[in-house]
């Protein structure tokens, strides 16, 4: 009997719950704050033959939806070449050219068998804290090849027919400054896969293999139909938009991310062929990452479509290897987050041209990947890695959010208490950044200020890989740009700033010295002159806008008695 709509909805919920429980298992057990607190991880179920994403947890990073399908396909290709797949196998790898993203993201892929036949794949991915390379934390802004970013694993069998391969574990431990952290994260991912297998077996026992397998196809067909309907709602035509990255960390020249978006009927082509060629520095991304970023942008624009591979069936992504969006090994890719943020932004810009009533100004557009490292008083190594928030863009309905996360993920900013407890640092300031949101009828959200003091004896090494130091988040519909990124650190001669504006490595501070990061605000939406004076007065009262900026940007004056005039 065909699956009725109610049963399909129940199966969808049960499948998503499996992935959600896998997410929760890893978040609760990981040693690394980037997974445990920031939730830089993902779990899902994948098609036995194609590797397509069937289901992803609602708490996992959206960027992994498209990328993990490439990862599972890499394992399928490995099995086809070498053979020997059996129950109890688990593959491990971090190759960014097969699985997308960067070397820190370790993937575990496990087959699920039913009656001796492959039924589907389970997969887990999480950001490990350190995996070797020239720079602790692996965000090396001067890398010119992947070998300078860390150790690269192709798909290998970590577990062979249920038996852990100790030699693989030994290699992993020998190639990290913090092997204990990676060991904890690995075990958390393995436990998540174990739970996923158990929960899937319970579901199959309740509904049968045939019904669940049929639901996989139906759910992807439904996602395809919904996305096609959303695209049909856009006017046919070609929409062109571009934005720039500051530089690649090696050559101080801007890099173009250019999009020609073609819409016809229920299909869409996202053509990035006019983008800059592959660069020397670590701002390249693989095709897998490009496709995943396109999925994230479209999911933001059309939030009702489900999270599976069917979403991308009506969409063609063109990212030739003649561009930095189709990079091949060994091009460095550590800074992939900065590139996909700009890529998502240009998709937002092109969609805004197709539907001006839904145009959204640019978000702050950088994760500001900051790594601090050194030695404690007892001689042990420490590595602190974190990313930071900023302002989101104004939109037709409201101001942008303050100190928010980027639209590439649902990851949260690690809490200051956790970072201070785990590392010899003290945050002397963690505050909103006044006047950083782009002026507009709907103002951009403001960024943040983070000031950190080194507490460890000796030196604390600094590495920053950020963006928006030279190209501000754009406004739309008459709105102005948000403020740009700013960074400095103390030296005996005074404060120093990065020559590359947003990227630096090979510098340090000593105990008692500080560094300061000021993240960008979002762009504004609409004419600032039309913003109600009372809203500007409220911004002043809350500290989001200064009195001087209110006059300069909005023509609004607030008198000592609280009266407002234009």
Protein backbone atom coordinates (compact mmCIF):
# COMPACT_ATOMS: atom_id res chain seq x y z
CA UNK A 1 0.00 0.00 0.00
CA UNK A 2 1.24 3.54 -0.76
CA UNK A 3 2.35 5.55 2.25
CA UNK A 4 -0.45 7.90 3.31
CA UNK A 5 0.39 11.55 4.18
CA UNK A 6 -0.01 11.04 7.93
CA UNK A 7 2.37 8.09 8.01
CA UNK A 8 4.86 10.00 5.85
CA UNK A 9 4.76 12.92 8.30
CA UNK A 10 5.34 10.54 11.22
CA UNK A 11 8.27 8.90 9.45
CA UNK A 12 9.76 12.29 8.63
CA UNK A 13 9.55 13.28 12.28
CA UNK A 14 11.04 9.98 13.48
CA UNK A 15 13.93 10.24 11.00
CA UNK A 16 14.70 13.83 11.98
CA UNK A 17 14.57 12.77 15.63
CA UNK A 18 17.27 10.18 14.94
CA UNK A 19 19.58 12.85 13.52
CA UNK A 20 18.67 15.26 16.34
CA UNK A 21 19.57 12.67 18.97
CA UNK A 22 22.88 12.05 17.23
CA UNK A 23 23.57 15.79 17.33
CA UNK A 24 22.70 15.99 21.02
CA UNK A 25 24.89 13.01 21.87
CA UNK A 26 27.96 14.66 20.36
CA UNK A 27 27.24 18.10 21.83
CA UNK A 28 27.00 16.60 25.31
CA UNK A 29 30.15 14.49 25.08
CA UNK A 30 32.64 16.47 22.96
CA UNK A 31 35.76 17.80 24.69
CA UNK A 32 36.16 20.75 22.32
CA UNK A 33 34.07 23.92 22.97
CA UNK A 34 33.66 24.50 19.24
CA UNK A 35 31.53 21.35 19.15
CA UNK A 36 30.21 21.19 22.70
CA UNK A 37 29.23 24.87 22.94
CA UNK A 38 29.30 26.31 19.43
CA UNK A 39 27.75 23.14 17.89
CA UNK A 40 30.01 23.08 14.85
CA UNK A 41 28.91 19.58 13.85
CA UNK A 42 26.21 17.68 11.97
CA UNK A 43 24.66 14.23 11.63
CA UNK A 44 22.44 12.69 9.03
CA UNK A 45 21.23 9.74 6.97
CA UNK A 46 22.40 9.32 3.37
CA UNK A 47 21.27 7.31 0.34
CA UNK A 48 22.88 3.89 -0.01
CA UNK A 49 23.77 4.24 -3.70
CA UNK A 50 24.04 7.97 -4.44
CA UNK A 51 25.12 9.38 -1.07
CA UNK A 52 22.39 12.04 -1.32
CA UNK A 53 21.28 13.66 1.92
CA UNK A 54 18.09 11.98 3.13
CA UNK A 55 17.70 13.57 6.55
CA UNK A 56 19.71 16.03 8.61
CA UNK A 57 19.23 16.99 12.24
CA UNK A 58 17.60 20.34 12.91
CA UNK A 59 20.46 21.41 15.20
CA UNK A 60 23.33 20.57 12.83
CA UNK A 61 25.12 23.09 10.62
CA UNK A 62 23.21 23.71 7.36
CA UNK A 63 26.49 24.10 5.45
CA UNK A 64 27.09 20.37 5.90
CA UNK A 65 23.87 19.32 4.11
CA UNK A 66 25.35 19.63 0.64
CA UNK A 67 28.95 18.97 1.66
CA UNK A 68 28.25 15.72 3.50
CA UNK A 69 26.63 14.21 0.42
CA UNK A 70 29.98 14.66 -1.34
CA UNK A 71 31.68 13.08 1.68
CA UNK A 72 29.50 9.97 1.55
CA UNK A 73 30.04 9.72 -2.21
CA UNK A 74 33.79 9.75 -1.56
CA UNK A 75 33.36 6.72 0.69
CA UNK A 76 31.13 5.01 -1.89
CA UNK A 77 33.87 5.56 -4.50
CA UNK A 78 36.47 4.18 -2.07
CA UNK A 79 34.38 1.05 -1.54
CA UNK A 80 33.84 0.63 -5.28
CA UNK A 81 37.58 0.81 -5.86
CA UNK A 82 38.73 -1.36 -2.96
CA UNK A 83 35.70 -3.48 -2.11
CA UNK A 84 35.36 -5.19 1.24
CA UNK A 85 32.49 -3.26 2.81
CA UNK A 86 30.98 -5.11 5.75
CA UNK A 87 28.88 -4.48 8.85
CA UNK A 88 30.87 -2.79 11.61
CA UNK A 89 33.02 -0.70 9.25
CA UNK A 90 33.45 3.01 9.95
CA UNK A 91 35.38 5.34 7.66
CA UNK A 92 37.22 8.45 8.84
CA UNK A 93 38.56 11.33 6.75
CA UNK A 94 38.88 15.11 6.51
CA UNK A 95 39.75 15.64 2.83
CA UNK A 96 38.15 19.01 1.95
CA UNK A 97 38.28 18.36 -1.80
CA UNK A 98 36.09 15.27 -1.52
CA UNK A 99 33.94 16.14 1.48
CA UNK A 100 33.99 19.93 1.36
CA UNK A 101 34.81 22.62 3.99
CA UNK A 102 38.32 22.36 5.57
CA UNK A 103 40.76 20.04 7.32
CA UNK A 104 39.41 20.59 10.85
CA UNK A 105 36.09 18.99 9.92
CA UNK A 106 36.52 15.25 10.52
CA UNK A 107 33.90 12.99 9.00
CA UNK A 108 32.88 9.52 10.13
CA UNK A 109 30.78 7.50 7.68
CA UNK A 110 29.21 4.15 8.60
CA UNK A 111 27.12 1.72 6.49
CA UNK A 112 23.84 0.36 7.83
CA UNK A 113 23.02 -3.17 6.66
CA UNK A 114 19.66 -4.96 6.69
CA UNK A 115 19.51 -8.67 5.91
CA UNK A 116 23.00 -8.52 4.42
CA UNK A 117 22.23 -5.58 2.10
CA UNK A 118 23.30 -1.95 2.41
CA UNK A 119 20.26 0.07 3.49
CA UNK A 120 21.73 3.56 3.97
CA UNK A 121 24.69 5.42 5.43
CA UNK A 122 25.00 7.28 8.72
CA UNK A 123 27.51 10.11 8.95
CA UNK A 124 28.91 12.48 11.54
CA UNK A 125 31.08 15.56 11.08
CA UNK A 126 32.63 17.77 13.75
CA UNK A 127 35.22 20.55 13.90
CA UNK A 128 38.30 19.24 15.74
CA UNK A 129 40.37 21.81 17.60
CA UNK A 130 43.81 21.21 16.11
CA UNK A 131 45.15 18.82 13.48
CA UNK A 132 48.77 19.91 13.01
CA UNK A 133 49.92 22.40 10.39
CA UNK A 134 51.88 25.62 10.76
CA UNK A 135 49.36 27.47 12.94
CA UNK A 136 47.62 26.18 16.10
CA UNK A 137 43.91 25.83 15.33
CA UNK A 138 44.77 25.50 11.59
CA UNK A 139 43.42 28.85 10.35
CA UNK A 140 46.70 29.79 8.68
CA UNK A 141 46.14 33.02 6.72
CA UNK A 142 49.50 32.66 4.95
CA UNK A 143 49.09 29.07 3.77
CA UNK A 144 49.81 28.55 0.08
CA UNK A 145 49.04 24.80 0.05
CA UNK A 146 46.92 22.48 2.15
CA UNK A 147 50.01 20.83 3.66
CA UNK A 148 50.64 24.07 5.58
CA UNK A 149 47.12 23.90 7.06
CA UNK A 150 47.23 20.50 8.71
CA UNK A 151 47.25 16.76 8.16
CA UNK A 152 44.96 15.46 5.40
CA UNK A 153 43.25 12.07 5.63
CA UNK A 154 41.61 10.36 2.66
CA UNK A 155 38.80 7.93 3.51
CA UNK A 156 40.33 5.18 5.67
CA UNK A 157 38.74 2.45 7.78
CA UNK A 158 39.02 3.59 11.38
CA UNK A 159 36.91 0.58 12.43
CA UNK A 160 37.15 -2.60 10.39
CA UNK A 161 34.33 -5.11 10.99
CA UNK A 162 33.90 -3.75 14.50
CA UNK A 163 37.61 -3.64 15.37
CA UNK A 164 39.25 -0.27 16.05
CA UNK A 165 42.44 0.27 14.05
CA UNK A 166 44.98 1.45 16.64
CA UNK A 167 47.51 2.58 14.03
CA UNK A 168 45.01 5.17 12.73
CA UNK A 169 44.49 6.44 16.27
CA UNK A 170 48.25 6.71 16.75
CA UNK A 171 48.61 8.79 13.58
CA UNK A 172 45.78 11.07 14.67
CA UNK A 173 47.33 11.62 18.12
CA UNK A 174 50.79 12.30 16.70
CA UNK A 175 49.46 15.06 14.43
CA UNK A 176 47.76 17.33 16.95
CA UNK A 177 48.90 19.77 19.60
CA UNK A 178 45.88 18.75 21.71
CA UNK A 179 45.36 15.03 21.05
CA UNK A 180 43.23 14.55 24.17
CA UNK A 181 40.66 17.04 22.83
CA UNK A 182 40.49 15.24 19.49
CA UNK A 183 40.20 11.87 21.25
CA UNK A 184 37.16 13.09 23.16
CA UNK A 185 35.54 14.47 20.02
CA UNK A 186 36.19 11.24 18.11
CA UNK A 187 34.54 9.14 20.79
CA UNK A 188 31.59 11.52 20.89
CA UNK A 189 31.10 11.05 17.15
CA UNK A 190 31.38 7.27 17.42
CA UNK A 191 28.80 7.25 20.20
CA UNK A 192 26.49 9.35 18.04
CA UNK A 193 26.76 6.82 15.22
CA UNK A 194 26.07 3.98 17.64
CA UNK A 195 22.92 5.71 18.84
CA UNK A 196 21.86 6.45 15.27
CA UNK A 197 22.13 2.77 14.37
CA UNK A 198 20.07 1.79 17.41
CA UNK A 199 17.32 4.33 16.75
CA UNK A 200 17.13 3.47 13.05
CA UNK A 201 16.77 -0.23 13.89
CA UNK A 202 13.87 0.63 16.22
CA UNK A 203 12.18 2.64 13.46
CA UNK A 204 12.62 -0.15 10.93
CA UNK A 205 11.20 -2.65 13.40
CA UNK A 206 8.11 -0.46 13.82
CA UNK A 207 7.40 0.35 10.15
CA UNK A 208 9.40 -2.09 8.05
CA UNK A 209 12.33 -1.58 5.72
CA UNK A 210 10.19 -1.10 2.61
CA UNK A 211 8.06 1.71 4.06
CA UNK A 212 11.07 3.64 5.40
CA UNK A 213 12.97 3.23 2.12
CA UNK A 214 9.93 4.47 0.19
CA UNK A 215 9.65 7.48 2.50
CA UNK A 216 13.21 8.51 1.58
CA UNK A 217 12.22 8.94 -2.05
CA UNK A 218 8.92 10.62 -1.27
CA UNK A 219 10.54 13.17 1.03
CA UNK A 220 13.13 14.11 -1.60
CA UNK A 221 10.44 14.38 -4.28
CA UNK A 222 8.43 16.66 -2.01
CA UNK A 223 11.47 18.88 -1.36
CA UNK A 224 12.11 19.10 -5.10
CA UNK A 225 8.51 20.12 -5.81
CA UNK A 226 8.50 22.76 -3.08
CA UNK A 227 11.77 24.30 -4.29
CA UNK A 228 10.58 24.31 -7.90
CA UNK A 229 7.40 26.10 -6.79
CA UNK A 230 9.45 28.72 -4.93
CA UNK A 231 11.60 29.33 -8.00
CA UNK A 232 8.51 29.61 -10.19
CA UNK A 233 7.45 32.48 -7.95
CA UNK A 234 10.46 34.51 -9.12
CA UNK A 235 10.27 36.54 -12.36
CA UNK A 236 12.17 34.83 -15.20
CA UNK A 237 15.39 36.59 -16.09
CA UNK A 238 19.10 36.97 -15.35
CA UNK A 239 20.18 38.72 -12.17
CA UNK A 240 23.77 39.83 -11.67
CA UNK A 241 25.47 40.61 -8.38
CA UNK A 242 29.04 40.68 -7.05
CA UNK A 243 31.01 41.45 -3.92
CA UNK A 244 34.65 41.25 -2.87
CA UNK A 245 36.95 39.62 -0.36
CA UNK A 246 39.69 41.81 1.14
CA UNK A 247 42.58 39.58 0.00
CA UNK A 248 43.79 36.00 0.27
CA UNK A 249 46.23 36.62 3.14
CA UNK A 250 49.25 36.26 0.83
CA UNK A 251 48.64 38.75 -1.99
CA UNK A 252 47.07 42.02 -0.92
CA UNK A 253 44.53 42.31 -3.73
CA UNK A 254 40.72 41.99 -3.68
CA UNK A 255 39.00 38.85 -4.90
CA UNK A 256 35.69 38.98 -6.78
CA UNK A 257 32.75 36.68 -6.05
CA UNK A 258 30.45 37.21 -9.03
CA UNK A 259 27.08 35.59 -9.70
CA UNK A 260 24.87 35.41 -12.76
CA UNK A 261 21.59 33.95 -11.53
CA UNK A 262 19.30 32.72 -14.29
CA UNK A 263 15.67 31.89 -13.55
CA UNK A 264 13.37 30.15 -16.02
CA UNK A 265 10.18 28.42 -14.99
CA UNK A 266 10.86 26.18 -12.06
CA UNK A 267 14.63 25.98 -12.55
CA UNK A 268 17.54 28.16 -11.43
CA UNK A 269 21.16 28.36 -12.55
CA UNK A 270 23.73 29.86 -10.19
CA UNK A 271 26.74 30.65 -12.38
CA UNK A 272 29.92 31.83 -10.64
CA UNK A 273 32.15 31.65 -13.73
CA UNK A 274 33.12 35.35 -13.56
CA UNK A 275 34.60 35.01 -10.07
CA UNK A 276 38.33 35.47 -9.43
CA UNK A 277 40.69 32.61 -10.33
CA UNK A 278 42.15 30.32 -7.65
CA UNK A 279 44.30 32.30 -5.24
CA UNK A 280 47.58 31.62 -3.47
CA UNK A 281 46.13 32.02 0.02
CA UNK A 282 43.58 29.93 1.97
CA UNK A 283 40.41 31.57 0.64
CA UNK A 284 39.74 28.93 -2.02
CA UNK A 285 36.86 26.47 -1.67
CA UNK A 286 36.02 23.18 -3.36
CA UNK A 287 32.97 22.56 -5.53
CA UNK A 288 31.40 20.57 -2.68
CA UNK A 289 31.63 23.60 -0.41
CA UNK A 290 30.25 25.90 -3.10
CA UNK A 291 27.20 23.67 -3.63
CA UNK A 292 26.63 23.45 0.12
CA UNK A 293 26.80 27.23 0.48
CA UNK A 294 24.25 27.67 -2.32
CA UNK A 295 21.92 25.32 -0.45
CA UNK A 296 22.28 27.40 2.74
CA UNK A 297 21.47 30.63 0.90
CA UNK A 298 18.39 29.14 -0.77
CA UNK A 299 17.22 27.61 2.52
CA UNK A 300 17.37 31.09 4.08
CA UNK A 301 15.38 32.54 1.19
CA UNK A 302 12.85 29.68 1.14
CA UNK A 303 12.74 28.39 4.73
CA UNK A 304 9.79 26.04 4.23
CA UNK A 305 11.62 23.59 1.97
CA UNK A 306 12.87 20.44 3.76
CA UNK A 307 16.55 19.74 4.44
CA UNK A 308 17.41 17.00 1.96
CA UNK A 309 19.00 16.54 -1.46
CA UNK A 310 15.73 17.12 -3.32
CA UNK A 311 16.08 20.84 -2.67
CA UNK A 312 18.99 21.09 -5.11
CA UNK A 313 17.42 19.11 -7.98
CA UNK A 314 15.90 22.22 -9.66
CA UNK A 315 19.15 24.16 -9.14
CA UNK A 316 22.31 24.00 -11.25
CA UNK A 317 25.52 25.34 -9.69
CA UNK A 318 28.36 26.31 -12.03
CA UNK A 319 31.71 26.76 -10.27
CA UNK A 320 34.50 25.91 -12.72
CA UNK A 321 37.99 25.06 -11.50
CA UNK A 322 39.16 28.24 -13.22
CA UNK A 323 37.70 30.09 -10.22
CA UNK A 324 38.50 30.07 -6.51
CA UNK A 325 35.09 28.40 -5.97
CA UNK A 326 36.15 25.17 -7.70
CA UNK A 327 39.59 24.68 -6.21
CA UNK A 328 41.49 21.42 -6.54
CA UNK A 329 44.10 19.92 -4.20
CA UNK A 330 46.46 21.15 -2.87
CA UNK A 331 45.04 24.70 -2.98
CA UNK A 332 44.67 25.95 0.63
CA UNK A 333 41.08 26.15 1.92
CA UNK A 334 41.34 26.89 5.67
CA UNK A 335 39.46 30.18 5.30
CA UNK A 336 36.51 28.65 3.49
CA UNK A 337 34.05 30.30 5.88
CA UNK A 338 34.96 33.77 4.62
CA UNK A 339 34.40 32.81 1.00
CA UNK A 340 31.09 31.07 1.52
CA UNK A 341 29.84 34.06 3.49
CA UNK A 342 30.52 36.29 0.51
CA UNK A 343 28.99 33.69 -1.81
CA UNK A 344 25.81 33.56 0.27
CA UNK A 345 25.74 37.35 0.29
CA UNK A 346 25.81 37.62 -3.50
CA UNK A 347 22.97 35.08 -3.75
CA UNK A 348 21.00 37.27 -1.33
CA UNK A 349 21.84 40.27 -3.51
CA UNK A 350 20.70 38.57 -6.73
CA UNK A 351 17.49 37.30 -5.10
CA UNK A 352 16.88 40.84 -3.87
CA UNK A 353 16.94 42.04 -7.47
CA UNK A 354 14.42 39.39 -8.45
CA UNK A 355 12.22 40.20 -5.44
CA UNK A 356 13.04 43.74 -4.21
CA UNK A 357 10.28 43.47 -1.61
CA UNK A 358 12.30 40.70 0.06
CA UNK A 359 15.81 42.15 -0.38
CA UNK A 360 18.00 41.93 2.70
CA UNK A 361 21.11 44.00 3.35
CA UNK A 362 24.42 42.24 3.86
CA UNK A 363 25.24 40.65 7.21
CA UNK A 364 28.62 41.27 8.83
CA UNK A 365 30.15 38.54 6.71
CA UNK A 366 33.12 37.15 8.65
CA UNK A 367 33.56 34.60 11.42
CA UNK A 368 36.82 36.29 12.56
CA UNK A 369 38.55 32.95 13.21
CA UNK A 370 40.87 33.78 16.11
CA UNK A 371 43.40 31.30 17.48
CA UNK A 372 45.47 31.99 20.60
CA UNK A 373 48.05 29.51 21.82
CA UNK A 374 51.01 29.04 24.11
CA UNK A 375 52.31 27.15 27.12
CA UNK A 376 50.92 27.09 30.64
CA UNK A 377 53.11 27.41 33.70
CA UNK A 378 53.42 23.61 33.90
CA UNK A 379 54.71 23.44 30.33
CA UNK A 380 51.56 21.97 28.72
CA UNK A 381 50.33 23.36 25.42
CA UNK A 382 47.02 25.18 25.08
CA UNK A 383 45.07 26.26 22.01
CA UNK A 384 42.03 28.51 22.09
CA UNK A 385 40.03 28.80 18.92
CA UNK A 386 36.81 30.75 18.59
CA UNK A 387 34.69 32.66 16.15
CA UNK A 388 32.68 35.79 16.89
CA UNK A 389 29.42 37.55 16.10
CA UNK A 390 28.39 40.75 14.35
CA UNK A 391 25.39 42.61 12.99
CA UNK A 392 22.88 41.23 10.50
CA UNK A 393 21.47 43.32 7.67
CA UNK A 394 18.30 45.36 7.78
CA UNK A 395 15.35 43.92 5.86
CA UNK A 396 11.94 45.04 4.61
CA UNK A 397 10.28 44.19 7.94
CA UNK A 398 12.77 45.05 10.67
CA UNK A 399 16.21 46.18 11.79
CA UNK A 400 19.04 43.67 11.65
CA UNK A 401 19.88 41.61 14.73
CA UNK A 402 22.71 42.76 17.00
CA UNK A 403 25.71 40.54 17.76
CA UNK A 404 24.22 37.64 15.84
CA UNK A 405 25.71 34.59 14.23
CA UNK A 406 26.44 34.42 10.53
CA UNK A 407 23.88 32.94 8.11
CA UNK A 408 26.18 30.01 7.25
CA UNK A 409 25.15 28.00 10.28
CA UNK A 410 23.20 27.57 13.46
CA UNK A 411 26.41 27.43 15.50
CA UNK A 412 26.46 29.60 18.59
CA UNK A 413 29.30 31.84 19.75
CA UNK A 414 31.19 30.02 22.54
CA UNK A 415 30.37 31.56 25.96
CA UNK A 416 33.04 33.74 27.53
CA UNK A 417 32.91 31.67 30.72
CA UNK A 418 33.82 28.50 28.84
CA UNK A 419 36.67 30.16 26.93
CA UNK A 420 38.12 31.67 30.10
CA UNK A 421 37.77 28.44 32.07
CA UNK A 422 39.57 26.40 29.42
CA UNK A 423 42.34 28.85 28.53
CA UNK A 424 44.68 31.35 30.27
CA UNK A 425 42.91 34.45 28.95
CA UNK A 426 40.55 37.06 30.34
CA UNK A 427 37.95 38.97 28.35
CA UNK A 428 38.20 42.53 29.63
CA UNK A 429 35.43 43.67 27.27
CA UNK A 430 32.58 41.87 25.48
CA UNK A 431 30.11 44.52 24.37
CA UNK A 432 28.03 45.88 21.51
CA UNK A 433 29.84 48.22 19.08
CA UNK A 434 28.00 51.56 18.75
CA UNK A 435 27.51 53.10 15.29
CA UNK A 436 28.54 49.91 13.48
CA UNK A 437 25.12 49.11 11.97
CA UNK A 438 24.47 50.58 8.54
CA UNK A 439 22.02 53.53 8.63
CA UNK A 440 18.66 52.94 7.00
CA UNK A 441 14.91 53.05 7.40
CA UNK A 442 15.60 49.68 8.98
CA UNK A 443 19.04 49.91 10.55
CA UNK A 444 21.65 47.18 10.30
CA UNK A 445 22.40 45.31 13.52
CA UNK A 446 25.47 46.45 15.42
CA UNK A 447 28.63 44.40 15.75
CA UNK A 448 30.58 43.68 18.90
CA UNK A 449 33.79 44.56 20.72
CA UNK A 450 35.97 41.79 22.19
CA UNK A 451 39.05 42.69 24.20
CA UNK A 452 41.24 39.88 25.53
CA UNK A 453 44.13 39.96 28.01
CA UNK A 454 46.81 37.27 28.04
CA UNK A 455 47.27 35.57 31.42
CA UNK A 456 49.79 32.84 30.55
CA UNK A 457 53.46 33.37 31.41
CA UNK A 458 55.65 34.05 28.40
CA UNK A 459 54.06 34.75 25.04
CA UNK A 460 50.63 34.11 23.60
CA UNK A 461 50.69 33.53 19.84
CA UNK A 462 47.98 35.16 17.71
CA UNK A 463 46.48 34.10 14.39
CA UNK A 464 43.43 35.81 12.87
CA UNK A 465 41.67 34.93 9.63
CA UNK A 466 38.85 37.38 9.04
CA UNK A 467 37.25 39.56 6.38
CA UNK A 468 35.34 42.80 5.81
CA UNK A 469 38.42 44.86 6.69
CA UNK A 470 38.26 46.72 3.36
CA UNK A 471 34.83 45.99 1.87
CA UNK A 472 31.97 46.93 4.19
CA UNK A 473 28.68 44.99 4.38
CA UNK A 474 26.49 46.57 1.72
CA UNK A 475 23.14 48.26 2.24
CA UNK A 476 20.12 47.88 -0.06
CA UNK A 477 17.12 49.95 -1.14
CA UNK A 478 18.93 53.17 -0.20
CA UNK A 479 20.45 51.88 3.02
CA UNK A 480 24.09 52.54 3.92
CA UNK A 481 26.91 50.08 4.54
CA UNK A 482 27.81 48.78 7.98
CA UNK A 483 31.15 49.39 9.66
CA UNK A 484 34.19 47.36 8.67
CA UNK A 485 36.20 44.91 10.73
CA UNK A 486 38.95 46.25 13.03
CA UNK A 487 41.72 44.46 14.95
CA UNK A 488 44.74 45.49 17.01
CA UNK A 489 47.14 44.06 19.58
CA UNK A 490 49.53 45.66 22.04
CA UNK A 491 53.31 45.74 21.51
CA UNK A 492 56.10 47.49 23.45
CA UNK A 493 55.98 50.22 20.78
CA UNK A 494 52.20 50.67 21.01
CA UNK A 495 49.24 49.20 19.18
CA UNK A 496 49.74 47.26 15.95
CA UNK A 497 47.24 46.40 13.20
CA UNK A 498 47.35 43.72 10.47
CA UNK A 499 48.96 44.81 7.18
CA UNK A 500 46.34 42.64 5.43
CA UNK A 501 43.51 44.45 7.27
CA UNK A 502 41.77 41.30 8.49
CA UNK A 503 44.40 38.55 8.55
CA UNK A 504 47.54 38.10 10.62
CA UNK A 505 49.81 35.33 11.92
CA UNK A 506 53.24 35.18 13.53
CA UNK A 507 52.60 37.89 16.12
CA UNK A 508 52.28 37.59 19.87
CA UNK A 509 51.48 39.38 23.10
CA UNK A 510 52.96 38.88 26.55
CA UNK A 511 51.30 38.34 29.90
CA UNK A 512 49.17 41.37 30.77
CA UNK A 513 48.95 42.66 27.18
CA UNK A 514 45.71 42.79 25.23
CA UNK A 515 44.23 42.40 21.78
CA UNK A 516 40.98 43.91 20.52
CA UNK A 517 38.57 42.79 17.83
CA UNK A 518 35.68 44.98 16.63
CA UNK A 519 33.31 43.07 14.36
CA UNK A 520 31.31 44.66 11.52
CA UNK A 521 27.66 45.66 11.68
CA UNK A 522 25.08 44.75 9.06
CA UNK A 523 24.07 46.94 6.14
CA UNK A 524 21.02 49.17 6.32
CA UNK A 525 17.73 48.80 4.41
CA UNK A 526 15.92 51.82 2.98
CA UNK A 527 16.52 55.56 3.11
CA UNK A 528 17.90 56.63 6.54
CA UNK A 529 16.03 59.93 6.24
CA UNK A 530 12.77 57.98 6.50
CA UNK A 531 13.62 56.31 9.80
CA UNK A 532 11.24 57.64 12.45
CA UNK A 533 12.95 60.08 14.80
CA UNK A 534 11.61 58.19 17.81
CA UNK A 535 13.40 55.05 16.63
CA UNK A 536 16.66 56.97 16.32
CA UNK A 537 16.15 58.40 19.82
CA UNK A 538 15.65 54.87 21.13
CA UNK A 539 18.86 53.77 19.41
CA UNK A 540 20.71 56.57 21.21
CA UNK A 541 19.17 55.66 24.55
CA UNK A 542 20.19 52.00 24.13
CA UNK A 543 23.71 52.88 23.00
CA UNK A 544 23.36 51.48 19.48
CA UNK A 545 23.81 54.90 17.83
CA UNK A 546 25.73 57.90 19.17
CA UNK A 547 24.24 61.39 19.25
CA UNK A 548 26.84 62.50 16.69
CA UNK A 549 25.97 59.67 14.30
CA UNK A 550 22.26 60.38 14.71
CA UNK A 551 22.83 63.91 13.39
CA UNK A 552 25.23 62.84 10.66
CA UNK A 553 23.36 59.78 9.35
CA UNK A 554 19.72 60.51 10.18
CA UNK A 555 19.51 64.27 10.67
CA UNK A 556 18.00 63.66 14.11
CA UNK A 557 18.84 65.71 17.21
CA UNK A 558 17.94 64.70 20.73
CA UNK A 559 17.92 67.57 23.20
CA UNK A 560 18.90 67.32 26.87
CA UNK A 561 15.24 67.23 27.84
CA UNK A 562 14.69 64.22 25.57
CA UNK A 563 12.84 66.10 22.82
CA UNK A 564 13.54 64.98 19.27
CA UNK A 565 13.83 67.12 16.15
CA UNK A 566 14.91 66.78 12.53
